[in-house]
Amino acid sequence: MQVNLLKSVLSRIRVKDIAEACGVSPTAVQRWIDTGHLPKSEWCGETHYASKIAGISSGKITTSELLAITPVVVRLIDESRSGVKVRDAVASQR
């Protein structure tokens, strides 16, 4: 059973407060929690939700702590850009 790290981290702040700070609906925040990571746009530089969440956390959560919780797909993309074969990247995630 895999632990949902994002759920553990975000449980320190109310969903409503996260939604307001990020300019999204509480449903969107709940979707992040359910999937276990922030949206792909966070790693593409399109959004800055991690820093907004860290900003309202009163020091309980850091931006880097949130960004460290990445989906496997994003890790594969990053590793493939650096020359690692996708097959090797999948094996390294197990």
N, C-alpha and C. Protein backbone atom coordinates (compact mmCIF):
# COMPACT_ATOMS: atom_id res chain seq x y z
N MET A 1 0.84 -1.18 0.00
CA MET A 1 0.00 0.00 0.00
C MET A 1 0.88 1.25 0.00
N GLN A 2 0.65 2.14 -0.93
CA GLN A 2 1.45 3.34 -1.05
C GLN A 2 0.86 4.46 -0.18
N VAL A 3 1.71 5.17 0.52
CA VAL A 3 1.29 6.27 1.36
C VAL A 3 1.07 7.50 0.50
N ASN A 4 -0.03 8.21 0.72
CA ASN A 4 -0.31 9.45 0.01
C ASN A 4 0.36 10.59 0.77
N LEU A 5 1.58 10.92 0.37
CA LEU A 5 2.33 11.96 1.07
C LEU A 5 1.67 13.32 0.97
N LEU A 6 1.09 13.63 -0.19
CA LEU A 6 0.45 14.93 -0.34
C LEU A 6 -0.72 15.06 0.63
N LYS A 7 -1.47 14.00 0.80
CA LYS A 7 -2.60 14.03 1.74
C LYS A 7 -2.08 14.30 3.16
N SER A 8 -1.00 13.65 3.53
CA SER A 8 -0.42 13.86 4.86
C SER A 8 0.04 15.30 5.05
N VAL A 9 0.69 15.85 4.02
CA VAL A 9 1.21 17.20 4.10
C VAL A 9 0.09 18.22 4.12
N LEU A 10 -0.87 18.07 3.22
CA LEU A 10 -1.95 19.06 3.13
C LEU A 10 -2.98 18.94 4.24
N SER A 11 -2.95 17.87 5.00
CA SER A 11 -3.89 17.72 6.11
C SER A 11 -3.65 18.77 7.19
N ARG A 12 -2.52 19.45 7.10
CA ARG A 12 -2.19 20.49 8.08
C ARG A 12 -2.90 21.82 7.80
N ILE A 13 -3.55 21.92 6.63
CA ILE A 13 -4.22 23.15 6.21
C ILE A 13 -5.60 22.79 5.68
N ARG A 14 -6.58 23.65 5.91
CA ARG A 14 -7.93 23.39 5.41
C ARG A 14 -7.98 23.48 3.88
N VAL A 15 -8.73 22.58 3.27
CA VAL A 15 -8.88 22.55 1.81
C VAL A 15 -9.39 23.89 1.31
N LYS A 16 -10.34 24.47 2.01
CA LYS A 16 -10.91 25.76 1.61
C LYS A 16 -9.83 26.84 1.56
N ASP A 17 -8.94 26.86 2.54
CA ASP A 17 -7.86 27.86 2.57
C ASP A 17 -6.87 27.65 1.42
N ILE A 18 -6.56 26.40 1.11
CA ILE A 18 -5.66 26.10 -0.01
C ILE A 18 -6.30 26.56 -1.31
N ALA A 19 -7.58 26.25 -1.48
CA ALA A 19 -8.29 26.64 -2.71
C ALA A 19 -8.28 28.16 -2.88
N GLU A 20 -8.57 28.89 -1.83
CA GLU A 20 -8.58 30.35 -1.91
C GLU A 20 -7.20 30.91 -2.26
N ALA A 21 -6.17 30.39 -1.63
CA ALA A 21 -4.81 30.88 -1.88
C ALA A 21 -4.36 30.59 -3.31
N CYS A 22 -4.80 29.48 -3.85
CA CYS A 22 -4.37 29.06 -5.20
C CYS A 22 -5.31 29.55 -6.30
N GLY A 23 -6.46 30.08 -5.91
CA GLY A 23 -7.41 30.55 -6.91
C GLY A 23 -8.09 29.43 -7.66
N VAL A 24 -8.30 28.32 -6.98
CA VAL A 24 -8.98 27.16 -7.57
C VAL A 24 -10.13 26.74 -6.67
N SER A 25 -10.92 25.80 -7.11
CA SER A 25 -12.04 25.33 -6.31
C SER A 25 -11.57 24.30 -5.27
N PRO A 26 -12.33 24.15 -4.19
CA PRO A 26 -12.01 23.09 -3.24
C PRO A 26 -12.02 21.72 -3.91
N THR A 27 -12.83 21.54 -4.93
CA THR A 27 -12.86 20.28 -5.67
C THR A 27 -11.52 20.00 -6.34
N ALA A 28 -10.91 21.04 -6.91
CA ALA A 28 -9.60 20.88 -7.54
C ALA A 28 -8.55 20.46 -6.50
N VAL A 29 -8.59 21.09 -5.34
CA VAL A 29 -7.64 20.72 -4.28
C VAL A 29 -7.87 19.28 -3.85
N GLN A 30 -9.13 18.90 -3.72
CA GLN A 30 -9.43 17.52 -3.33
C GLN A 30 -8.92 16.54 -4.38
N ARG A 31 -8.99 16.92 -5.65
CA ARG A 31 -8.46 16.07 -6.73
C ARG A 31 -6.95 15.90 -6.57
N TRP A 32 -6.24 16.97 -6.21
CA TRP A 32 -4.79 16.87 -5.98
C TRP A 32 -4.53 15.87 -4.86
N ILE A 33 -5.30 16.00 -3.79
CA ILE A 33 -5.12 15.11 -2.65
C ILE A 33 -5.40 13.66 -3.05
N ASP A 34 -6.48 13.46 -3.79
CA ASP A 34 -6.85 12.10 -4.21
C ASP A 34 -5.80 11.47 -5.14
N THR A 35 -5.21 12.28 -6.02
CA THR A 35 -4.21 11.73 -6.95
C THR A 35 -2.84 11.63 -6.29
N GLY A 36 -2.64 12.37 -5.20
CA GLY A 36 -1.37 12.29 -4.48
C GLY A 36 -0.29 13.24 -4.95
N HIS A 37 -0.66 14.20 -5.83
CA HIS A 37 0.33 15.18 -6.28
C HIS A 37 -0.35 16.43 -6.83
N LEU A 38 0.39 17.50 -6.88
CA LEU A 38 -0.10 18.73 -7.49
C LEU A 38 -0.22 18.51 -9.00
N PRO A 39 -0.94 19.38 -9.71
CA PRO A 39 -1.09 19.18 -11.15
C PRO A 39 0.21 19.33 -11.92
N LYS A 40 0.25 18.74 -13.10
CA LYS A 40 1.44 18.78 -13.96
C LYS A 40 1.90 20.22 -14.22
N SER A 41 0.96 21.14 -14.27
CA SER A 41 1.30 22.55 -14.54
C SER A 41 2.29 23.10 -13.51
N GLU A 42 2.34 22.50 -12.35
CA GLU A 42 3.27 22.96 -11.31
C GLU A 42 4.72 22.71 -11.70
N TRP A 43 4.99 21.59 -12.38
CA TRP A 43 6.36 21.26 -12.78
C TRP A 43 6.73 21.85 -14.14
N CYS A 44 5.71 22.32 -14.85
CA CYS A 44 5.96 22.95 -16.16
C CYS A 44 6.16 24.45 -16.00
N GLY A 45 6.05 24.96 -14.79
CA GLY A 45 6.25 26.38 -14.54
C GLY A 45 5.04 27.24 -14.86
N GLU A 46 3.90 26.62 -15.14
CA GLU A 46 2.69 27.37 -15.46
C GLU A 46 1.98 27.89 -14.21
N THR A 47 2.13 27.19 -13.11
CA THR A 47 1.48 27.58 -11.86
C THR A 47 2.52 27.59 -10.73
N HIS A 48 2.13 28.16 -9.62
CA HIS A 48 3.02 28.24 -8.45
C HIS A 48 2.24 27.91 -7.19
N TYR A 49 1.47 26.83 -7.27
CA TYR A 49 0.64 26.42 -6.14
C TYR A 49 1.47 26.06 -4.91
N ALA A 50 2.58 25.39 -5.12
CA ALA A 50 3.40 24.95 -3.98
C ALA A 50 3.84 26.14 -3.13
N SER A 51 4.28 27.21 -3.78
CA SER A 51 4.73 28.38 -3.01
C SER A 51 3.54 29.08 -2.35
N LYS A 52 2.38 29.07 -3.00
CA LYS A 52 1.19 29.68 -2.40
C LYS A 52 0.73 28.89 -1.17
N ILE A 53 0.78 27.58 -1.28
CA ILE A 53 0.40 26.73 -0.15
C ILE A 53 1.39 26.90 0.99
N ALA A 54 2.66 26.92 0.67
CA ALA A 54 3.69 27.13 1.70
C ALA A 54 3.49 28.48 2.39
N GLY A 55 3.10 29.47 1.62
CA GLY A 55 2.90 30.81 2.16
C GLY A 55 1.79 30.91 3.19
N ILE A 56 0.78 30.07 3.07
CA ILE A 56 -0.33 30.11 4.04
C ILE A 56 -0.18 29.08 5.15
N SER A 57 0.90 28.33 5.14
CA SER A 57 1.05 27.23 6.09
C SER A 57 1.67 27.62 7.43
N SER A 58 2.01 28.88 7.59
CA SER A 58 2.65 29.34 8.84
C SER A 58 3.91 28.54 9.16
N GLY A 59 4.68 28.20 8.13
CA GLY A 59 5.94 27.49 8.32
C GLY A 59 5.80 25.99 8.49
N LYS A 60 4.59 25.44 8.38
CA LYS A 60 4.38 24.01 8.55
C LYS A 60 4.83 23.21 7.33
N ILE A 61 4.79 23.84 6.15
CA ILE A 61 5.11 23.17 4.89
C ILE A 61 6.01 24.09 4.08
N THR A 62 6.99 23.53 3.42
CA THR A 62 7.85 24.33 2.55
C THR A 62 7.51 24.04 1.09
N THR A 63 7.86 24.98 0.22
CA THR A 63 7.66 24.79 -1.21
C THR A 63 8.40 23.56 -1.69
N SER A 64 9.64 23.38 -1.26
CA SER A 64 10.42 22.23 -1.71
C SER A 64 9.84 20.91 -1.20
N GLU A 65 9.24 20.91 -0.03
CA GLU A 65 8.60 19.70 0.48
C GLU A 65 7.43 19.31 -0.44
N LEU A 66 6.65 20.28 -0.87
CA LEU A 66 5.53 20.00 -1.77
C LEU A 66 6.01 19.56 -3.15
N LEU A 67 7.04 20.20 -3.66
CA LEU A 67 7.54 19.86 -4.99
C LEU A 67 8.27 18.52 -5.01
N ALA A 68 8.68 18.05 -3.85
CA ALA A 68 9.35 16.74 -3.77
C ALA A 68 8.35 15.60 -3.98
N ILE A 69 7.07 15.90 -3.82
CA ILE A 69 6.02 14.90 -4.01
C ILE A 69 5.59 14.97 -5.47
N THR A 70 6.31 14.25 -6.33
CA THR A 70 6.04 14.32 -7.76
C THR A 70 5.44 13.01 -8.25
N PRO A 71 4.59 13.10 -9.24
CA PRO A 71 4.07 11.86 -9.82
C PRO A 71 5.17 11.15 -10.60
N VAL A 72 5.08 9.84 -10.72
CA VAL A 72 6.08 9.06 -11.42
C VAL A 72 6.23 9.53 -12.86
N VAL A 73 5.15 9.91 -13.50
CA VAL A 73 5.19 10.35 -14.90
C VAL A 73 6.11 11.54 -15.06
N VAL A 74 6.02 12.50 -14.16
CA VAL A 74 6.89 13.67 -14.25
C VAL A 74 8.34 13.27 -14.05
N ARG A 75 8.59 12.39 -13.14
CA ARG A 75 9.96 11.92 -12.93
C ARG A 75 10.49 11.25 -14.20
N LEU A 76 9.67 10.48 -14.85
CA LEU A 76 10.09 9.80 -16.08
C LEU A 76 10.43 10.81 -17.16
N ILE A 77 9.63 11.84 -17.29
CA ILE A 77 9.89 12.87 -18.29
C ILE A 77 11.21 13.56 -17.99
N ASP A 78 11.42 13.93 -16.74
CA ASP A 78 12.66 14.60 -16.36
C ASP A 78 13.86 13.70 -16.61
N GLU A 79 13.77 12.46 -16.23
CA GLU A 79 14.89 11.54 -16.40
C GLU A 79 15.14 11.25 -17.87
N SER A 80 14.10 11.17 -18.68
CA SER A 80 14.31 10.88 -20.10
C SER A 80 14.98 12.07 -20.79
N ARG A 81 14.71 13.28 -20.34
CA ARG A 81 15.36 14.46 -20.91
C ARG A 81 16.85 14.48 -20.59
N SER A 82 17.22 13.88 -19.49
CA SER A 82 18.64 13.86 -19.12
C SER A 82 19.37 12.66 -19.71
N GLY A 83 18.69 11.93 -20.56
CA GLY A 83 19.36 10.83 -21.25
C GLY A 83 19.11 9.45 -20.67
N VAL A 84 18.36 9.35 -19.59
CA VAL A 84 18.05 8.05 -19.02
C VAL A 84 16.91 7.44 -19.83
N LYS A 85 17.04 6.19 -20.19
CA LYS A 85 15.98 5.53 -20.94
C LYS A 85 14.74 5.40 -20.07
N VAL A 86 13.58 5.53 -20.67
CA VAL A 86 12.33 5.44 -19.93
C VAL A 86 12.22 4.09 -19.22
N ARG A 87 12.63 3.02 -19.85
CA ARG A 87 12.57 1.70 -19.23
C ARG A 87 13.42 1.66 -17.96
N ASP A 88 14.61 2.25 -18.02
CA ASP A 88 15.47 2.31 -16.84
C ASP A 88 14.83 3.14 -15.74
N ALA A 89 14.15 4.22 -16.11
CA ALA A 89 13.50 5.08 -15.14
C ALA A 89 12.37 4.36 -14.43
N VAL A 90 11.60 3.57 -15.18
CA VAL A 90 10.51 2.81 -14.57
C VAL A 90 11.08 1.83 -13.56
N ALA A 91 12.13 1.14 -13.91
CA ALA A 91 12.73 0.17 -13.00
C ALA A 91 13.25 0.84 -11.73
N SER A 92 13.75 2.07 -11.85
CA SER A 92 14.31 2.74 -10.68
C SER A 92 13.23 3.23 -9.72
N GLN A 93 11.97 3.26 -10.15
CA GLN A 93 10.88 3.72 -9.30
C GLN A 93 10.35 2.63 -8.38
N ARG A 94 10.71 1.40 -8.64
CA ARG A 94 10.16 0.27 -7.84
C ARG A 94 10.88 0.11 -6.55
